[in-house]
Amino acid sequence: MQVEVIGLAEAAVRLRVPYQDAHRLLLTGRLRGEKRGGRWFVSTASLESLLRTSAGPNAPKVEQRASRVNAPKRRR
């Protein structure tokens, strides 16, 4: 059985988060993937599972991380 995969950049687009946040999800294990020839590839089943669990009312939102990253920096 062959597992369907997509590139990490495409996974970030589908998750509506910056590439760096999608990469962090890989490193923390919330998203499953593998590195091939220097590029990350993500299992579409893992991506769909993350999207489903992130849609629940009590689940932490994947998009909340992106809003903090894009927030304006505080002045000192």
PDB file of N, CA and C in Angstrom:
ATOM      1  N   MET A   1       0.836  -1.174   0.000  1.00  0.00           N
ATOM      2  CA  MET A   1       0.000   0.000   0.000  1.00  0.00           C
ATOM      3  C   MET A   1       0.884   1.241   0.000  1.00  0.00           C
ATOM      4  N   GLN A   2       0.595   2.155  -0.896  1.00  0.00           N
ATOM      5  CA  GLN A   2       1.390   3.363  -1.020  1.00  0.00           C
ATOM      6  C   GLN A   2       0.697   4.521  -0.293  1.00  0.00           C
ATOM      7  N   VAL A   3       1.471   5.247   0.488  1.00  0.00           N
ATOM      8  CA  VAL A   3       0.947   6.387   1.245  1.00  0.00           C
ATOM      9  C   VAL A   3       1.026   7.629   0.373  1.00  0.00           C
ATOM     10  N   GLU A   4      -0.078   8.383   0.309  1.00  0.00           N
ATOM     11  CA  GLU A   4      -0.096   9.616  -0.474  1.00  0.00           C
ATOM     12  C   GLU A   4       0.561  10.727   0.341  1.00  0.00           C
ATOM     13  N   VAL A   5       1.471  11.454  -0.295  1.00  0.00           N
ATOM     14  CA  VAL A   5       2.183  12.528   0.392  1.00  0.00           C
ATOM     15  C   VAL A   5       2.137  13.811  -0.433  1.00  0.00           C
ATOM     16  N   ILE A   6       2.314  14.939   0.265  1.00  0.00           N
ATOM     17  CA  ILE A   6       2.429  16.239  -0.385  1.00  0.00           C
ATOM     18  C   ILE A   6       3.620  16.956   0.243  1.00  0.00           C
ATOM     19  N   GLY A   7       4.103  17.983  -0.424  1.00  0.00           N
ATOM     20  CA  GLY A   7       5.212  18.759   0.110  1.00  0.00           C
ATOM     21  C   GLY A   7       4.785  19.572   1.326  1.00  0.00           C
ATOM     22  N   LEU A   8       5.753  19.924   2.142  1.00  0.00           N
ATOM     23  CA  LEU A   8       5.454  20.677   3.359  1.00  0.00           C
ATOM     24  C   LEU A   8       4.874  22.052   3.032  1.00  0.00           C
ATOM     25  N   ALA A   9       5.323  22.674   1.962  1.00  0.00           N
ATOM     26  CA  ALA A   9       4.776  23.985   1.581  1.00  0.00           C
ATOM     27  C   ALA A   9       3.284  23.873   1.271  1.00  0.00           C
ATOM     28  N   GLU A  10       2.888  22.833   0.550  1.00  0.00           N
ATOM     29  CA  GLU A  10       1.470  22.622   0.243  1.00  0.00           C
ATOM     30  C   GLU A  10       0.681  22.317   1.516  1.00  0.00           C
ATOM     31  N   ALA A  11       1.285  21.552   2.436  1.00  0.00           N
ATOM     32  CA  ALA A  11       0.619  21.254   3.710  1.00  0.00           C
ATOM     33  C   ALA A  11       0.384  22.547   4.496  1.00  0.00           C
ATOM     34  N   ALA A  12       1.358  23.442   4.489  1.00  0.00           N
ATOM     35  CA  ALA A  12       1.208  24.725   5.190  1.00  0.00           C
ATOM     36  C   ALA A  12       0.057  25.532   4.595  1.00  0.00           C
ATOM     37  N   VAL A  13      -0.070  25.513   3.280  1.00  0.00           N
ATOM     38  CA  VAL A  13      -1.172  26.231   2.620  1.00  0.00           C
ATOM     39  C   VAL A  13      -2.507  25.639   3.055  1.00  0.00           C
ATOM     40  N   ARG A  14      -2.606  24.328   3.059  1.00  0.00           N
ATOM     41  CA  ARG A  14      -3.864  23.679   3.459  1.00  0.00           C
ATOM     42  C   ARG A  14      -4.206  23.924   4.920  1.00  0.00           C
ATOM     43  N   LEU A  15      -3.175  24.041   5.769  1.00  0.00           N
ATOM     44  CA  LEU A  15      -3.393  24.317   7.189  1.00  0.00           C
ATOM     45  C   LEU A  15      -3.614  25.806   7.450  1.00  0.00           C
ATOM     46  N   ARG A  16      -3.314  26.624   6.462  1.00  0.00           N
ATOM     47  CA  ARG A  16      -3.411  28.092   6.585  1.00  0.00           C
ATOM     48  C   ARG A  16      -2.486  28.620   7.668  1.00  0.00           C
ATOM     49  N   VAL A  17      -1.263  28.103   7.664  1.00  0.00           N
ATOM     50  CA  VAL A  17      -0.225  28.566   8.588  1.00  0.00           C
ATOM     51  C   VAL A  17       1.048  28.831   7.794  1.00  0.00           C
ATOM     52  N   PRO A  18       1.960  29.641   8.351  1.00  0.00           N
ATOM     53  CA  PRO A  18       3.256  29.825   7.693  1.00  0.00           C
ATOM     54  C   PRO A  18       4.036  28.510   7.620  1.00  0.00           C
ATOM     55  N   TYR A  19       4.934  28.430   6.670  1.00  0.00           N
ATOM     56  CA  TYR A  19       5.756  27.235   6.474  1.00  0.00           C
ATOM     57  C   TYR A  19       6.452  26.836   7.776  1.00  0.00           C
ATOM     58  N   GLN A  20       6.984  27.813   8.509  1.00  0.00           N
ATOM     59  CA  GLN A  20       7.722  27.526   9.740  1.00  0.00           C
ATOM     60  C   GLN A  20       6.835  26.848  10.783  1.00  0.00           C
ATOM     61  N   ASP A  21       5.566  27.237  10.848  1.00  0.00           N
ATOM     62  CA  ASP A  21       4.652  26.595  11.794  1.00  0.00           C
ATOM     63  C   ASP A  21       4.356  25.154  11.383  1.00  0.00           C
ATOM     64  N   ALA A  22       4.219  24.913  10.087  1.00  0.00           N
ATOM     65  CA  ALA A  22       4.007  23.546   9.600  1.00  0.00           C
ATOM     66  C   ALA A  22       5.243  22.700   9.914  1.00  0.00           C
ATOM     67  N   HIS A  23       6.407  23.279   9.764  1.00  0.00           N
ATOM     68  CA  HIS A  23       7.653  22.569  10.086  1.00  0.00           C
ATOM     69  C   HIS A  23       7.706  22.240  11.579  1.00  0.00           C
ATOM     70  N   ARG A  24       7.278  23.178  12.414  1.00  0.00           N
ATOM     71  CA  ARG A  24       7.237  22.948  13.858  1.00  0.00           C
ATOM     72  C   ARG A  24       6.273  21.806  14.198  1.00  0.00           C
ATOM     73  N   LEU A  25       5.144  21.743  13.494  1.00  0.00           N
ATOM     74  CA  LEU A  25       4.194  20.644  13.716  1.00  0.00           C
ATOM     75  C   LEU A  25       4.842  19.298  13.396  1.00  0.00           C
ATOM     76  N   LEU A  26       5.685  19.266  12.372  1.00  0.00           N
ATOM     77  CA  LEU A  26       6.424  18.037  12.040  1.00  0.00           C
ATOM     78  C   LEU A  26       7.394  17.675  13.160  1.00  0.00           C
ATOM     79  N   LEU A  27       8.155  18.661  13.613  1.00  0.00           N
ATOM     80  CA  LEU A  27       9.178  18.394  14.619  1.00  0.00           C
ATOM     81  C   LEU A  27       8.587  17.982  15.961  1.00  0.00           C
ATOM     82  N   THR A  28       7.387  18.465  16.276  1.00  0.00           N
ATOM     83  CA  THR A  28       6.747  18.101  17.542  1.00  0.00           C
ATOM     84  C   THR A  28       5.920  16.821  17.440  1.00  0.00           C
ATOM     85  N   GLY A  29       5.768  16.300  16.226  1.00  0.00           N
ATOM     86  CA  GLY A  29       5.050  15.038  16.053  1.00  0.00           C
ATOM     87  C   GLY A  29       3.559  15.178  15.832  1.00  0.00           C
ATOM     88  N   ARG A  30       3.038  16.403  15.777  1.00  0.00           N
ATOM     89  CA  ARG A  30       1.597  16.576  15.537  1.00  0.00           C
ATOM     90  C   ARG A  30       1.244  16.299  14.081  1.00  0.00           C
ATOM     91  N   LEU A  31       2.250  16.345  13.214  1.00  0.00           N
ATOM     92  CA  LEU A  31       2.078  16.080  11.790  1.00  0.00           C
ATOM     93  C   LEU A  31       3.131  15.053  11.404  1.00  0.00           C
ATOM     94  N   ARG A  32       2.726  14.015  10.651  1.00  0.00           N
ATOM     95  CA  ARG A  32       3.682  12.974  10.270  1.00  0.00           C
ATOM     96  C   ARG A  32       4.222  13.219   8.870  1.00  0.00           C
ATOM     97  N   GLY A  33       5.514  13.043   8.737  1.00  0.00           N
ATOM     98  CA  GLY A  33       6.134  13.208   7.431  1.00  0.00           C
ATOM     99  C   GLY A  33       7.539  12.642   7.443  1.00  0.00           C
ATOM    100  N   GLU A  34       8.209  12.811   6.321  1.00  0.00           N
ATOM    101  CA  GLU A  34       9.590  12.335   6.225  1.00  0.00           C
ATOM    102  C   GLU A  34      10.371  13.242   5.294  1.00  0.00           C
ATOM    103  N   LYS A  35      11.673  13.236   5.493  1.00  0.00           N
ATOM    104  CA  LYS A  35      12.548  14.055   4.679  1.00  0.00           C
ATOM    105  C   LYS A  35      13.137  13.183   3.570  1.00  0.00           C
ATOM    106  N   ARG A  36      13.013  13.653   2.343  1.00  0.00           N
ATOM    107  CA  ARG A  36      13.555  12.942   1.185  1.00  0.00           C
ATOM    108  C   ARG A  36      14.378  13.925   0.369  1.00  0.00           C
ATOM    109  N   GLY A  37      15.648  13.650   0.235  1.00  0.00           N
ATOM    110  CA  GLY A  37      16.498  14.503  -0.590  1.00  0.00           C
ATOM    111  C   GLY A  37      16.512  15.960  -0.145  1.00  0.00           C
ATOM    112  N   GLY A  38      16.432  16.188   1.160  1.00  0.00           N
ATOM    113  CA  GLY A  38      16.483  17.545   1.686  1.00  0.00           C
ATOM    114  C   GLY A  38      15.144  18.262   1.750  1.00  0.00           C
ATOM    115  N   ARG A  39      14.076  17.620   1.306  1.00  0.00           N
ATOM    116  CA  ARG A  39      12.741  18.237   1.348  1.00  0.00           C
ATOM    117  C   ARG A  39      11.823  17.410   2.234  1.00  0.00           C
ATOM    118  N   TRP A  40      10.904  18.101   2.925  1.00  0.00           N
ATOM    119  CA  TRP A  40       9.926  17.426   3.773  1.00  0.00           C
ATOM    120  C   TRP A  40       8.678  17.092   2.979  1.00  0.00           C
ATOM    121  N   PHE A  41       8.164  15.894   3.217  1.00  0.00           N
ATOM    122  CA  PHE A  41       6.909  15.448   2.622  1.00  0.00           C
ATOM    123  C   PHE A  41       5.997  14.980   3.752  1.00  0.00           C
ATOM    124  N   VAL A  42       4.731  15.328   3.644  1.00  0.00           N
ATOM    125  CA  VAL A  42       3.751  15.060   4.698  1.00  0.00           C
ATOM    126  C   VAL A  42       2.710  14.073   4.196  1.00  0.00           C
ATOM    127  N   SER A  43       2.345  13.143   5.053  1.00  0.00           N
ATOM    128  CA  SER A  43       1.281  12.192   4.751  1.00  0.00           C
ATOM    129  C   SER A  43      -0.048  12.941   4.698  1.00  0.00           C
ATOM    130  N   THR A  44      -0.812  12.753   3.628  1.00  0.00           N
ATOM    131  CA  THR A  44      -2.110  13.431   3.529  1.00  0.00           C
ATOM    132  C   THR A  44      -3.067  12.927   4.610  1.00  0.00           C
ATOM    133  N   ALA A  45      -2.930  11.665   5.010  1.00  0.00           N
ATOM    134  CA  ALA A  45      -3.784  11.126   6.080  1.00  0.00           C
ATOM    135  C   ALA A  45      -3.487  11.850   7.393  1.00  0.00           C
ATOM    136  N   SER A  46      -2.212  12.108   7.673  1.00  0.00           N
ATOM    137  CA  SER A  46      -1.835  12.829   8.878  1.00  0.00           C
ATOM    138  C   SER A  46      -2.346  14.266   8.835  1.00  0.00           C
ATOM    139  N   LEU A  47      -2.256  14.884   7.672  1.00  0.00           N
ATOM    140  CA  LEU A  47      -2.736  16.254   7.500  1.00  0.00           C
ATOM    141  C   LEU A  47      -4.242  16.333   7.734  1.00  0.00           C
ATOM    142  N   GLU A  48      -4.991  15.408   7.136  1.00  0.00           N
ATOM    143  CA  GLU A  48      -6.448  15.391   7.309  1.00  0.00           C
ATOM    144  C   GLU A  48      -6.829  15.126   8.758  1.00  0.00           C
ATOM    145  N   SER A  49      -6.083  14.261   9.435  1.00  0.00           N
ATOM    146  CA  SER A  49      -6.337  13.979  10.837  1.00  0.00           C
ATOM    147  C   SER A  49      -6.109  15.229  11.689  1.00  0.00           C
ATOM    148  N   LEU A  50      -5.039  15.944  11.422  1.00  0.00           N
ATOM    149  CA  LEU A  50      -4.757  17.177  12.162  1.00  0.00           C
ATOM    150  C   LEU A  50      -5.839  18.217  11.912  1.00  0.00           C
ATOM    151  N   LEU A  51      -6.288  18.341  10.681  1.00  0.00           N
ATOM    152  CA  LEU A  51      -7.348  19.291  10.361  1.00  0.00           C
ATOM    153  C   LEU A  51      -8.647  18.934  11.087  1.00  0.00           C
ATOM    154  N   ARG A  52      -8.956  17.635  11.160  1.00  0.00           N
ATOM    155  CA  ARG A  52     -10.168  17.190  11.863  1.00  0.00           C
ATOM    156  C   ARG A  52     -10.082  17.481  13.357  1.00  0.00           C
ATOM    157  N   THR A  53      -8.959  17.148  13.978  1.00  0.00           N
ATOM    158  CA  THR A  53      -8.828  17.338  15.424  1.00  0.00           C
ATOM    159  C   THR A  53      -8.723  18.812  15.778  1.00  0.00           C
ATOM    160  N   SER A  54      -8.190  19.621  14.893  1.00  0.00           N
ATOM    161  CA  SER A  54      -8.067  21.055  15.160  1.00  0.00           C
ATOM    162  C   SER A  54      -9.392  21.776  14.992  1.00  0.00           C
ATOM    163  N   ALA A  55     -10.375  21.094  14.409  1.00  0.00           N
ATOM    164  CA  ALA A  55     -11.671  21.727  14.173  1.00  0.00           C
ATOM    165  C   ALA A  55     -12.623  21.554  15.353  1.00  0.00           C
ATOM    166  N   GLY A  56     -12.259  20.735  16.336  1.00  0.00           N
ATOM    167  CA  GLY A  56     -13.131  20.512  17.478  1.00  0.00           C
ATOM    168  C   GLY A  56     -13.254  21.746  18.350  1.00  0.00           C
ATOM    169  N   PRO A  57     -14.343  21.860  19.107  1.00  0.00           N
ATOM    170  CA  PRO A  57     -14.577  23.063  19.904  1.00  0.00           C
ATOM    171  C   PRO A  57     -13.552  23.283  21.013  1.00  0.00           C
ATOM    172  N   ASN A  58     -13.000  22.212  21.573  1.00  0.00           N
ATOM    173  CA  ASN A  58     -12.041  22.355  22.674  1.00  0.00           C
ATOM    174  C   ASN A  58     -10.601  22.143  22.242  1.00  0.00           C
ATOM    175  N   ALA A  59     -10.389  21.888  20.966  1.00  0.00           N
ATOM    176  CA  ALA A  59      -9.042  21.622  20.470  1.00  0.00           C
ATOM    177  C   ALA A  59      -8.288  22.930  20.245  1.00  0.00           C
ATOM    178  N   PRO A  60      -6.984  22.930  20.503  1.00  0.00           N
ATOM    179  CA  PRO A  60      -6.204  24.130  20.205  1.00  0.00           C
ATOM    180  C   PRO A  60      -6.189  24.369  18.701  1.00  0.00           C
ATOM    181  N   LYS A  61      -6.348  25.593  18.309  1.00  0.00           N
ATOM    182  CA  LYS A  61      -6.417  25.926  16.891  1.00  0.00           C
ATOM    183  C   LYS A  61      -5.020  26.028  16.300  1.00  0.00           C
ATOM    184  N   VAL A  62      -4.829  25.404  15.147  1.00  0.00           N
ATOM    185  CA  VAL A  62      -3.561  25.490  14.436  1.00  0.00           C
ATOM    186  C   VAL A  62      -3.340  26.925  13.993  1.00  0.00           C
ATOM    187  N   GLU A  63      -4.408  27.620  13.605  1.00  0.00           N
ATOM    188  CA  GLU A  63      -4.291  28.969  13.079  1.00  0.00           C
ATOM    189  C   GLU A  63      -3.935  29.994  14.151  1.00  0.00           C
ATOM    190  N   GLN A  64      -4.178  29.700  15.427  1.00  0.00           N
ATOM    191  CA  GLN A  64      -3.827  30.648  16.488  1.00  0.00           C
ATOM    192  C   GLN A  64      -2.337  30.904  16.506  1.00  0.00           C
ATOM    193  N   ARG A  65      -1.550  29.895  16.244  1.00  0.00           N
ATOM    194  CA  ARG A  65      -0.096  30.039  16.211  1.00  0.00           C
ATOM    195  C   ARG A  65       0.294  31.028  15.118  1.00  0.00           C
ATOM    196  N   ALA A  66      -0.341  30.924  13.970  1.00  0.00           N
ATOM    197  CA  ALA A  66      -0.020  31.811  12.851  1.00  0.00           C
ATOM    198  C   ALA A  66      -0.340  33.256  13.191  1.00  0.00           C
ATOM    199  N   SER A  67      -1.428  33.508  13.904  1.00  0.00           N
ATOM    200  CA  SER A  67      -1.789  34.880  14.215  1.00  0.00           C
ATOM    201  C   SER A  67      -0.771  35.509  15.159  1.00  0.00           C
ATOM    202  N   ARG A  68      -0.178  34.728  16.035  1.00  0.00           N
ATOM    203  CA  ARG A  68       0.852  35.272  16.918  1.00  0.00           C
ATOM    204  C   ARG A  68       2.129  35.571  16.142  1.00  0.00           C
ATOM    205  N   VAL A  69       2.454  34.725  15.189  1.00  0.00           N
ATOM    206  CA  VAL A  69       3.665  34.930  14.400  1.00  0.00           C
ATOM    207  C   VAL A  69       3.543  36.201  13.578  1.00  0.00           C
ATOM    208  N   ASN A  70       2.363  36.465  13.038  1.00  0.00           N
ATOM    209  CA  ASN A  70       2.168  37.618  12.177  1.00  0.00           C
ATOM    210  C   ASN A  70       1.769  38.877  12.934  1.00  0.00           C
ATOM    211  N   ALA A  71       1.666  38.788  14.255  1.00  0.00           N
ATOM    212  CA  ALA A  71       1.271  39.943  15.047  1.00  0.00           C
ATOM    213  C   ALA A  71       2.368  41.009  15.040  1.00  0.00           C
ATOM    214  N   PRO A  72       1.980  42.268  15.119  1.00  0.00           N
ATOM    215  CA  PRO A  72       3.000  43.327  15.163  1.00  0.00           C
ATOM    216  C   PRO A  72       3.866  43.197  16.402  1.00  0.00           C
ATOM    217  N   LYS A  73       5.123  43.566  16.259  1.00  0.00           N
ATOM    218  CA  LYS A  73       6.037  43.493  17.385  1.00  0.00           C
ATOM    219  C   LYS A  73       5.800  44.663  18.320  1.00  0.00           C
ATOM    220  N   ARG A  74       6.006  44.414  19.616  1.00  0.00           N
ATOM    221  CA  ARG A  74       5.829  45.471  20.615  1.00  0.00           C
ATOM    222  C   ARG A  74       7.002  46.421  20.591  1.00  0.00           C
ATOM    223  N   ARG A  75       6.702  47.666  20.843  1.00  0.00           N
ATOM    224  CA  ARG A  75       7.766  48.655  20.973  1.00  0.00           C
ATOM    225  C   ARG A  75       8.246  48.662  22.419  1.00  0.00           C
ATOM    226  N   ARG A  76       9.500  48.905  22.577  1.00  0.00           N
ATOM    227  CA  ARG A  76      10.059  48.961  23.934  1.00  0.00           C
ATOM    228  C   ARG A  76      10.204  50.372  24.385  1.00  0.00           C
TER     229      ARG A  76
END
